[in-house]
Amino acid sequence: MSLPHNSIFTLFNIGIGPSSSHTVGPMRAARRFLDTLREADLIAKTVAVRVELFGSLALTGRGHGTDKAVILGLEGSVPETVDPEQVEARLEKIASAERLLLNGDHEIVFVEKEHLRFSFSKILPAHPNGMRFSVFDAVGKELATQVFYSVGGGAVLDEKEVTEGKVIDDSGDIPFEFHSGDELLALCRRQKLAIHELVLENEKCWQSQADIRARTLHIWQVMQDCVKRGCATDGILPGGLEIKRRAPLIYRDLTTHPEKALRDPLTIIDWVNLYALAVNEENAAGGRMVTAPTNGAAGIVPAVLHYYDRFTGNPTEDGILRFLLTAGAIGLLYKKNASISGAEVGCQGEVGVACSMAAGGLVAALGGGNEHVEYAAEVGMEHNLGLTCDPVGGLVQIPCIERNAMGAVKAINAARIAMQSDGSHKVTLDQVIATMRQTGQDMKTHYKETSQGGLAVNVIEC
């Protein structure tokens, strides 16, 4: 079911790793272009295709699997249902034959032997993550071309949608429209609603309450499944950095020596670290997961949810629902007023936003009030301001995997700080979101998912 851009479920997408903006988004863009060709009855006339990647997609595309995602999308795959176990085998077949099956059945070739063009010097005007698809007939005439932007969290917009401002708002008629944290709190006060209750009323414009509950709990189940796979899968992560998975080792240590918890109360942090590492190691390996709000930051919300479920004393399904609905509202504020794209504002827009979402969500799950939710979300971002996106080798591994563990612990601490107060504080969530946006604008481009600065140039790839 397609939902408007201001549904919280646009922030929680089921897909595959390693990147929502560089893998999930490009696969969706390729599939949308395929649908355009199908609607225009151009597939049978097409004999060749060219895909051009710009900006951050060009600079870190191969490390993020963008080339693979585009090829799969042109064949008809979508992130929600593509089988991660079958991806490499299919790609090997395509590479050996230098052919792909457009629409799953029409054999075509690439214009270039390397399959895709990477433009390192050019950035398309609307966003750093731009891509252009073109197809040609037997005499080389261009039949169709279309530009897309991957704007963060797996969301994709074409040029027309960018012009119409859909990246900011696409609400239509909803009962409680809000564009800022202050508006959200004021609405909740007037309507005597908790944030999660207000979000539920909005979401009911597009699906039933029963469907919302089922969808939310399914997201939670996919998150749990991802953690389980991450805890059970040993080995070396792909990409060439030779990073060994750590989650299985930590899991075996914690479960083999449960007496450690009696000696060290901080063992709970070890479990939180484990949950985050398990998710992001699965992400790095191209596994199935939930963007929350991105793949690069996908371990934080599940880790904090697992903390709520295991260590807070009285977890309930309703608590899980309160958590995710509230976290979604916080994420929408960042999406509307700043960005959730590392290529646009650095990792503060990914790990920082996820930390903010998880902090506020945890407060809601624990029964905290709206002002405490807003305070926790503000703290979660305030102490991630300026966080750069500088993946070593263009891979979502260093520093991304550990950064999720740090973000999860920080989110729990932010929630505790907020709940130990009366809810009043000096810096508002709106102010910190505006600061994050301004900081992202000031940040040098090579610190924004280009692998041209920071750790990406100071760590030698081995």
Protein backbone atom coordinates (compact mmCIF):
# COMPACT_ATOMS: atom_id res chain seq x y z
CA MET A 1 0.00 0.00 0.00
CA SER A 2 1.40 3.40 -1.03
CA LEU A 3 1.31 5.96 1.76
CA PRO A 4 1.82 9.75 1.68
CA HIS A 5 5.13 11.20 2.75
CA ASN A 6 3.82 12.29 6.15
CA SER A 7 2.83 8.80 7.28
CA ILE A 8 5.16 7.45 9.94
CA PHE A 9 5.36 4.20 7.98
CA THR A 10 7.44 5.96 5.34
CA LEU A 11 10.14 6.07 8.04
CA PHE A 12 9.93 2.34 8.81
CA ASN A 13 10.51 0.53 5.53
CA ILE A 14 11.29 -3.15 5.22
CA GLY A 15 14.13 -3.65 2.78
CA ILE A 16 17.70 -4.88 2.45
CA GLY A 17 21.10 -3.45 3.34
CA PRO A 18 23.47 -1.82 3.25
CA SER A 19 21.93 1.63 2.68
CA SER A 20 18.44 3.07 2.50
CA SER A 21 19.45 6.03 0.34
CA HIS A 22 22.07 4.20 -1.75
CA THR A 23 20.52 0.72 -2.03
CA VAL A 24 16.80 0.78 -1.19
CA GLY A 25 16.13 4.14 -2.86
CA PRO A 26 17.92 3.36 -6.14
CA MET A 27 16.18 -0.02 -6.38
CA ARG A 28 12.84 1.74 -5.99
CA ALA A 29 13.84 4.38 -8.55
CA ALA A 30 14.80 1.71 -11.07
CA ARG A 31 11.52 -0.10 -10.49
CA ARG A 32 9.60 3.16 -10.93
CA PHE A 33 11.41 3.80 -14.21
CA LEU A 34 10.52 0.28 -15.29
CA ASP A 35 6.87 1.03 -14.51
CA THR A 36 7.12 4.20 -16.60
CA LEU A 37 8.41 2.17 -19.56
CA ARG A 38 5.66 -0.38 -19.09
CA GLU A 39 2.95 2.29 -19.02
CA ALA A 40 4.36 3.90 -22.19
CA ASP A 41 4.60 0.50 -23.91
CA LEU A 42 8.35 0.98 -24.51
CA ILE A 43 9.77 -2.23 -23.08
CA ALA A 44 9.56 -4.22 -26.33
CA LYS A 45 11.32 -1.41 -28.23
CA THR A 46 14.16 -1.12 -25.73
CA VAL A 47 17.48 -2.77 -26.55
CA ALA A 48 19.86 -0.89 -24.23
CA VAL A 49 19.84 1.06 -20.98
CA ARG A 50 22.12 3.60 -19.36
CA VAL A 51 22.05 4.60 -15.69
CA GLU A 52 23.98 7.64 -14.48
CA LEU A 53 24.71 8.18 -10.80
CA PHE A 54 25.62 11.61 -9.44
CA GLY A 55 27.09 13.14 -6.29
CA SER A 56 27.17 10.90 -3.25
CA LEU A 57 25.64 8.01 -5.20
CA ALA A 58 28.59 8.18 -7.58
CA LEU A 59 31.25 8.55 -4.90
CA THR A 60 30.11 5.73 -2.60
CA GLY A 61 27.68 3.86 -4.85
CA ARG A 62 29.69 0.69 -5.35
CA GLY A 63 30.47 0.37 -1.64
CA HIS A 64 26.79 0.82 -0.85
CA GLY A 65 25.62 -1.64 -3.51
CA THR A 66 23.91 1.01 -5.64
CA ASP A 67 24.93 -0.65 -8.90
CA LYS A 68 23.48 -3.97 -7.78
CA ALA A 69 20.28 -2.37 -6.51
CA VAL A 70 19.67 -0.56 -9.80
CA ILE A 71 20.12 -3.74 -11.82
CA LEU A 72 17.70 -5.66 -9.60
CA GLY A 73 15.16 -2.84 -9.77
CA LEU A 74 15.27 -2.80 -13.56
CA GLU A 75 14.49 -6.50 -13.53
CA GLY A 76 11.43 -5.81 -11.41
CA SER A 77 12.60 -6.36 -7.83
CA VAL A 78 11.46 -4.22 -4.92
CA PRO A 79 13.23 -3.90 -1.53
CA GLU A 80 10.30 -5.26 0.48
CA THR A 81 10.25 -8.66 -1.24
CA VAL A 82 13.63 -9.23 -2.91
CA ASP A 83 15.31 -12.33 -1.46
CA PRO A 84 18.74 -11.38 -0.06
CA GLU A 85 19.84 -15.01 -0.40
CA GLN A 86 19.31 -14.94 -4.18
CA VAL A 87 20.82 -11.53 -4.97
CA GLU A 88 24.44 -12.52 -5.60
CA ALA A 89 23.56 -15.52 -7.77
CA ARG A 90 21.32 -13.40 -9.98
CA LEU A 91 23.94 -10.66 -10.29
CA GLU A 92 26.61 -13.17 -11.28
CA LYS A 93 24.37 -14.40 -14.10
CA ILE A 94 23.80 -10.86 -15.33
CA ALA A 95 27.52 -10.05 -15.19
CA SER A 96 28.56 -13.19 -17.07
CA ALA A 97 25.99 -12.65 -19.86
CA GLU A 98 26.23 -8.83 -19.89
CA ARG A 99 22.45 -8.88 -20.19
CA LEU A 100 19.58 -8.22 -17.85
CA LEU A 101 15.90 -9.04 -18.11
CA LEU A 102 14.02 -5.76 -18.19
CA ASN A 103 10.65 -6.38 -16.58
CA GLY A 104 11.91 -9.87 -15.76
CA ASP A 105 11.55 -11.19 -19.30
CA HIS A 106 12.82 -8.74 -21.97
CA GLU A 107 16.54 -9.19 -22.57
CA ILE A 108 18.53 -5.99 -23.07
CA VAL A 109 22.15 -4.85 -22.86
CA PHE A 110 23.85 -1.94 -21.13
CA VAL A 111 25.16 0.90 -23.24
CA GLU A 112 28.48 0.60 -21.43
CA LYS A 113 30.30 -2.55 -20.47
CA GLU A 114 30.66 -1.29 -16.89
CA HIS A 115 26.88 -1.08 -16.70
CA LEU A 116 26.60 2.31 -15.01
CA ARG A 117 28.13 5.75 -15.36
CA PHE A 118 29.45 7.38 -12.19
CA SER A 119 29.72 11.17 -12.30
CA PHE A 120 32.10 12.22 -9.54
CA SER A 121 32.24 15.88 -10.47
CA LYS A 122 28.57 16.62 -11.06
CA ILE A 123 25.66 16.94 -8.65
CA LEU A 124 22.09 17.25 -9.86
CA PRO A 125 20.34 20.36 -8.51
CA ALA A 126 17.76 19.03 -6.07
CA HIS A 127 19.77 16.62 -3.89
CA PRO A 128 23.24 15.01 -3.63
CA ASN A 129 21.72 11.58 -4.34
CA GLY A 130 20.66 11.99 -7.98
CA MET A 131 20.30 9.40 -10.76
CA ARG A 132 19.24 9.45 -14.40
CA PHE A 133 17.80 6.48 -16.30
CA SER A 134 17.72 6.34 -20.12
CA VAL A 135 16.71 3.64 -22.61
CA PHE A 136 17.49 3.33 -26.33
CA ASP A 137 16.12 1.53 -29.36
CA ALA A 138 17.98 -0.57 -31.95
CA VAL A 139 19.40 2.43 -33.82
CA GLY A 140 20.54 4.21 -30.65
CA LYS A 141 17.66 6.65 -30.41
CA GLU A 142 16.74 7.63 -26.86
CA LEU A 143 13.24 6.42 -26.08
CA ALA A 144 12.83 7.77 -22.57
CA THR A 145 14.81 9.37 -19.77
CA GLN A 146 13.89 10.15 -16.19
CA VAL A 147 15.67 11.70 -13.20
CA PHE A 148 15.13 10.54 -9.62
CA TYR A 149 16.44 11.62 -6.24
CA SER A 150 16.97 9.33 -3.26
CA VAL A 151 16.18 11.76 -0.45
CA GLY A 152 16.83 9.57 2.59
CA GLY A 153 15.33 6.57 4.33
CA GLY A 154 14.61 4.85 1.01
CA ALA A 155 12.24 7.60 -0.17
CA VAL A 156 12.46 8.45 -3.88
CA LEU A 157 11.16 11.51 -5.72
CA ASP A 158 11.24 12.34 -9.40
CA GLU A 159 11.88 15.87 -10.71
CA LYS A 160 8.18 16.75 -10.81
CA GLU A 161 7.62 15.63 -7.23
CA VAL A 162 10.62 17.67 -6.06
CA THR A 163 9.21 20.73 -7.83
CA GLU A 164 5.83 20.16 -6.16
CA GLY A 165 7.48 19.95 -2.75
CA LYS A 166 6.43 16.41 -1.92
CA VAL A 167 9.68 15.91 -0.05
CA ILE A 168 8.30 18.33 2.56
CA ASP A 169 4.61 17.52 2.72
CA ASP A 170 2.01 15.38 1.00
CA SER A 171 -0.65 15.30 3.62
CA GLY A 172 -4.02 15.97 2.08
CA ASP A 173 -6.71 16.07 4.73
CA ILE A 174 -5.69 14.71 8.11
CA PRO A 175 -7.30 15.67 11.40
CA PHE A 176 -4.12 16.82 13.18
CA GLU A 177 -1.56 18.32 10.84
CA PHE A 178 1.62 19.56 12.51
CA HIS A 179 4.82 21.06 11.16
CA SER A 180 6.81 21.63 14.34
CA GLY A 181 7.31 20.19 17.79
CA ASP A 182 5.56 23.17 19.34
CA GLU A 183 2.54 22.63 17.07
CA LEU A 184 2.50 18.95 17.95
CA LEU A 185 2.56 19.63 21.70
CA ALA A 186 -0.11 22.34 21.37
CA LEU A 187 -2.39 20.04 19.38
CA CYS A 188 -1.98 17.31 21.97
CA ARG A 189 -2.84 19.72 24.78
CA ARG A 190 -5.95 21.02 23.02
CA GLN A 191 -7.16 17.56 22.08
CA LYS A 192 -6.07 15.99 25.40
CA LEU A 193 -4.14 13.33 23.51
CA ALA A 194 -0.79 11.68 23.93
CA ILE A 195 1.51 12.00 20.91
CA HIS A 196 1.01 8.37 19.97
CA GLU A 197 -2.78 8.80 20.12
CA LEU A 198 -2.66 11.82 17.82
CA VAL A 199 -0.43 9.96 15.34
CA LEU A 200 -2.84 7.03 15.40
CA GLU A 201 -5.74 9.30 14.48
CA ASN A 202 -3.78 10.66 11.52
CA GLU A 203 -2.73 7.21 10.32
CA LYS A 204 -6.36 6.08 10.42
CA CYS A 205 -6.96 8.31 7.40
CA TRP A 206 -5.09 5.75 5.30
CA GLN A 207 -5.67 2.41 7.02
CA SER A 208 -7.77 0.89 9.78
CA GLN A 209 -6.70 0.85 13.40
CA ALA A 210 -6.38 -2.93 13.24
CA ASP A 211 -4.15 -2.65 10.16
CA ILE A 212 -2.01 0.00 11.86
CA ARG A 213 -1.52 -2.24 14.86
CA ALA A 214 -0.70 -5.25 12.69
CA ARG A 215 1.70 -3.25 10.54
CA THR A 216 3.48 -1.81 13.57
CA LEU A 217 3.86 -5.19 15.23
CA HIS A 218 5.10 -6.66 11.94
CA ILE A 219 7.81 -4.00 11.86
CA TRP A 220 8.78 -5.00 15.40
CA GLN A 221 8.88 -8.66 14.36
CA VAL A 222 11.17 -7.94 11.40
CA MET A 223 13.45 -6.01 13.75
CA GLN A 224 13.57 -8.98 16.13
CA ASP A 225 14.26 -11.40 13.29
CA CYS A 226 17.12 -9.20 12.12
CA VAL A 227 18.67 -9.22 15.60
CA LYS A 228 18.35 -13.01 15.79
CA ARG A 229 20.08 -13.49 12.44
CA GLY A 230 22.80 -11.07 13.42
CA CYS A 231 23.42 -12.93 16.67
CA ALA A 232 23.58 -16.31 14.91
CA THR A 233 25.67 -15.49 11.83
CA ASP A 234 29.46 -15.65 12.04
CA GLY A 235 31.92 -14.58 9.38
CA ILE A 236 33.57 -11.68 7.61
CA LEU A 237 31.51 -8.79 6.26
CA PRO A 238 31.70 -8.25 2.49
CA GLY A 239 33.45 -5.31 0.88
CA GLY A 240 37.16 -5.84 1.43
CA LEU A 241 37.74 -4.29 4.86
CA GLU A 242 37.80 -7.78 6.40
CA ILE A 243 35.58 -6.73 9.31
CA LYS A 244 34.70 -9.71 11.48
CA ARG A 245 31.15 -9.94 12.81
CA ARG A 246 31.20 -9.37 16.57
CA ALA A 247 27.55 -9.85 17.53
CA PRO A 248 27.72 -13.69 17.59
CA LEU A 249 30.76 -13.60 19.88
CA ILE A 250 29.12 -11.15 22.28
CA TYR A 251 25.88 -13.14 22.23
CA ARG A 252 27.64 -16.39 23.08
CA ASP A 253 29.56 -14.70 25.89
CA LEU A 254 26.44 -13.15 27.41
CA THR A 255 24.36 -16.31 27.19
CA THR A 256 27.15 -18.65 28.32
CA HIS A 257 28.06 -16.50 31.33
CA PRO A 258 24.78 -15.05 32.67
CA GLU A 259 26.37 -14.68 36.11
CA LYS A 260 28.22 -11.63 34.76
CA ALA A 261 25.06 -9.60 35.23
CA LEU A 262 25.22 -10.26 38.98
CA ARG A 263 28.72 -8.83 39.19
CA ASP A 264 28.33 -5.99 36.71
CA PRO A 265 25.07 -4.04 36.40
CA LEU A 266 26.41 -2.45 33.19
CA THR A 267 25.96 -5.81 31.49
CA ILE A 268 22.66 -4.32 30.30
CA ILE A 269 24.74 -2.00 28.12
CA ASP A 270 26.45 -5.05 26.65
CA TRP A 271 23.04 -6.36 25.61
CA VAL A 272 22.06 -3.01 24.08
CA ASN A 273 25.36 -2.92 22.19
CA LEU A 274 24.71 -6.47 21.00
CA TYR A 275 21.27 -5.65 19.61
CA ALA A 276 22.58 -2.64 17.66
CA LEU A 277 25.68 -4.43 16.37
CA ALA A 278 23.61 -7.43 15.26
CA VAL A 279 21.31 -5.25 13.16
CA ASN A 280 24.04 -3.21 11.54
CA GLU A 281 26.22 -6.19 10.77
CA GLU A 282 23.23 -7.72 9.02
CA ASN A 283 22.79 -4.43 7.19
CA ALA A 284 26.42 -4.40 6.09
CA ALA A 285 25.94 -7.93 4.75
CA GLY A 286 22.89 -6.93 2.70
CA GLY A 287 20.37 -8.65 4.96
CA ARG A 288 16.67 -7.85 5.48
CA MET A 289 15.90 -5.12 7.96
CA VAL A 290 13.80 -2.06 8.77
CA THR A 291 14.95 1.45 7.96
CA ALA A 292 14.55 3.49 11.13
CA PRO A 293 14.72 6.06 9.67
CA THR A 294 17.67 4.90 7.49
CA ASN A 295 19.66 1.70 7.05
CA GLY A 296 22.88 3.29 8.26
CA ALA A 297 21.13 4.07 11.56
CA ALA A 298 18.82 1.05 11.57
CA GLY A 299 20.21 -0.53 14.74
CA ILE A 300 19.28 2.19 17.21
CA VAL A 301 15.48 1.91 17.36
CA PRO A 302 15.53 -1.95 17.49
CA ALA A 303 18.21 -1.92 20.19
CA VAL A 304 16.24 0.49 22.37
CA LEU A 305 13.02 -1.44 21.73
CA HIS A 306 14.78 -4.65 22.80
CA TYR A 307 15.96 -2.82 25.92
CA TYR A 308 12.36 -1.83 26.65
CA ASP A 309 11.13 -5.36 25.99
CA ARG A 310 13.74 -7.10 28.13
CA PHE A 311 14.94 -4.77 30.87
CA THR A 312 12.22 -2.30 31.88
CA GLY A 313 10.10 -4.65 33.97
CA ASN A 314 6.65 -4.53 32.39
CA PRO A 315 6.82 -4.45 28.58
CA THR A 316 3.57 -4.74 26.62
CA GLU A 317 2.46 -4.76 22.99
CA ASP A 318 0.80 -1.43 23.65
CA GLY A 319 4.15 -0.13 24.83
CA ILE A 320 5.72 -1.22 21.55
CA LEU A 321 2.96 0.61 19.67
CA ARG A 322 3.40 3.77 21.77
CA PHE A 323 7.15 3.63 21.11
CA LEU A 324 6.96 3.32 17.32
CA LEU A 325 4.06 5.74 16.80
CA THR A 326 5.80 8.37 18.92
CA ALA A 327 9.20 7.77 17.32
CA GLY A 328 7.52 8.14 13.95
CA ALA A 329 6.11 11.56 14.87
CA ILE A 330 9.59 12.73 15.88
CA GLY A 331 11.08 11.39 12.67
CA LEU A 332 8.50 13.25 10.60
CA LEU A 333 9.54 16.53 12.23
CA TYR A 334 13.12 15.98 11.07
CA LYS A 335 11.97 14.90 7.63
CA LYS A 336 9.81 18.01 7.23
CA ASN A 337 12.15 20.57 8.76
CA ALA A 338 15.67 19.26 8.14
CA SER A 339 16.76 15.97 6.57
CA ILE A 340 17.33 12.28 7.26
CA SER A 341 19.95 11.98 4.52
CA GLY A 342 23.62 11.57 5.40
CA ALA A 343 24.51 12.87 1.95
CA GLU A 344 22.65 16.09 2.74
CA VAL A 345 23.42 16.84 6.42
CA GLY A 346 25.93 14.21 7.57
CA CYS A 347 25.36 11.37 10.01
CA GLN A 348 23.56 13.69 12.44
CA GLY A 349 20.66 13.23 10.01
CA GLU A 350 20.82 9.46 10.36
CA VAL A 351 22.24 8.31 13.70
CA GLY A 352 21.27 11.62 15.33
CA VAL A 353 17.67 11.39 14.15
CA ALA A 354 17.43 7.71 15.08
CA CYS A 355 18.75 8.51 18.55
CA SER A 356 16.20 11.29 18.93
CA MET A 357 13.37 9.05 17.72
CA ALA A 358 14.36 6.19 20.02
CA ALA A 359 14.74 8.44 23.06
CA GLY A 360 11.29 9.93 22.64
CA GLY A 361 9.79 6.56 21.79
CA LEU A 362 11.21 4.96 24.93
CA VAL A 363 9.72 7.68 27.12
CA ALA A 364 6.30 7.07 25.53
CA ALA A 365 6.61 3.30 25.96
CA LEU A 366 7.40 3.82 29.65
CA GLY A 367 4.33 6.01 30.11
CA GLY A 368 6.02 9.42 30.10
CA GLY A 369 4.13 12.55 29.14
CA ASN A 370 4.36 14.53 25.92
CA GLU A 371 6.72 17.16 27.38
CA HIS A 372 9.09 14.42 28.56
CA VAL A 373 8.95 12.82 25.11
CA GLU A 374 9.88 16.13 23.47
CA TYR A 375 12.68 16.70 26.00
CA ALA A 376 14.18 13.25 25.43
CA ALA A 377 14.04 13.69 21.65
CA GLU A 378 15.79 17.06 21.97
CA VAL A 379 18.56 15.61 24.15
CA GLY A 380 19.02 12.73 21.72
CA MET A 381 19.82 15.12 18.88
CA GLU A 382 21.57 17.88 20.83
CA HIS A 383 24.44 15.54 21.61
CA ASN A 384 24.77 14.27 18.05
CA LEU A 385 25.01 17.71 16.42
CA GLY A 386 27.81 17.93 13.87
CA LEU A 387 28.17 14.17 13.43
CA THR A 388 29.84 13.56 10.07
CA CYS A 389 29.17 10.81 7.56
CA ASP A 390 32.59 9.50 6.50
CA PRO A 391 32.30 5.76 5.77
CA VAL A 392 35.64 4.06 5.19
CA GLY A 393 35.77 2.57 1.71
CA GLY A 394 32.24 3.78 1.01
CA LEU A 395 31.01 0.83 3.10
CA VAL A 396 28.41 1.04 5.85
CA GLN A 397 30.80 -0.54 8.37
CA ILE A 398 33.37 1.86 9.86
CA PRO A 399 32.29 3.87 11.82
CA CYS A 400 28.64 3.07 11.14
CA ILE A 401 28.23 -0.25 12.98
CA GLU A 402 29.70 0.89 16.31
CA ARG A 403 28.06 4.28 15.93
CA ASN A 404 24.65 2.60 16.19
CA ALA A 405 25.62 0.97 19.47
CA MET A 406 26.75 4.34 20.83
CA GLY A 407 23.55 5.98 19.58
CA ALA A 408 21.34 3.37 21.25
CA VAL A 409 22.99 3.82 24.64
CA LYS A 410 22.79 7.59 24.23
CA ALA A 411 19.05 7.34 23.44
CA ILE A 412 18.39 5.36 26.63
CA ASN A 413 20.33 7.90 28.66
CA ALA A 414 18.44 10.78 27.03
CA ALA A 415 15.15 9.14 28.00
CA ARG A 416 16.33 8.68 31.59
CA ILE A 417 17.50 12.30 31.84
CA ALA A 418 14.13 13.52 30.56
CA MET A 419 12.06 11.31 32.85
CA GLN A 420 14.06 12.36 35.91
CA SER A 421 12.98 15.96 35.29
CA ASP A 422 9.70 17.84 35.45
CA GLY A 423 9.76 18.11 31.65
CA SER A 424 10.85 21.73 31.49
CA HIS A 425 14.08 22.60 29.67
CA LYS A 426 15.75 25.50 27.85
CA VAL A 427 16.36 24.09 24.36
CA THR A 428 13.31 22.94 22.41
CA LEU A 429 13.15 20.12 19.89
CA ASP A 430 12.36 22.66 17.17
CA GLN A 431 15.48 24.63 18.02
CA VAL A 432 17.72 21.58 17.88
CA ILE A 433 16.17 20.47 14.57
CA ALA A 434 16.84 23.92 13.12
CA THR A 435 20.40 23.78 14.45
CA MET A 436 20.92 20.36 12.89
CA ARG A 437 19.73 21.67 9.54
CA GLN A 438 21.99 24.72 9.74
CA THR A 439 24.95 22.60 10.83
CA GLY A 440 24.37 20.29 7.88
CA GLN A 441 24.32 23.25 5.50
CA ASP A 442 27.60 24.51 6.94
CA MET A 443 29.27 21.10 6.92
CA LYS A 444 31.85 20.60 4.17
CA THR A 445 30.67 18.32 1.40
CA HIS A 446 33.44 15.79 1.91
CA TYR A 447 32.03 15.01 5.36
CA LYS A 448 28.62 14.11 3.90
CA GLU A 449 28.71 10.50 2.63
CA THR A 450 31.35 11.03 -0.02
CA SER A 451 34.22 9.08 1.61
CA GLN A 452 36.44 12.08 0.82
CA GLY A 453 37.06 13.22 4.39
CA GLY A 454 37.33 12.21 8.03
CA LEU A 455 37.90 8.57 8.82
CA ALA A 456 37.45 7.66 5.19
CA VAL A 457 40.78 9.27 4.29
CA ASN A 458 42.65 8.80 7.57
CA VAL A 459 42.06 5.06 7.91
CA ILE A 460 44.10 2.93 5.54
CA GLU A 461 41.97 0.34 3.76
CA CYS A 462 43.56 -3.07 4.12
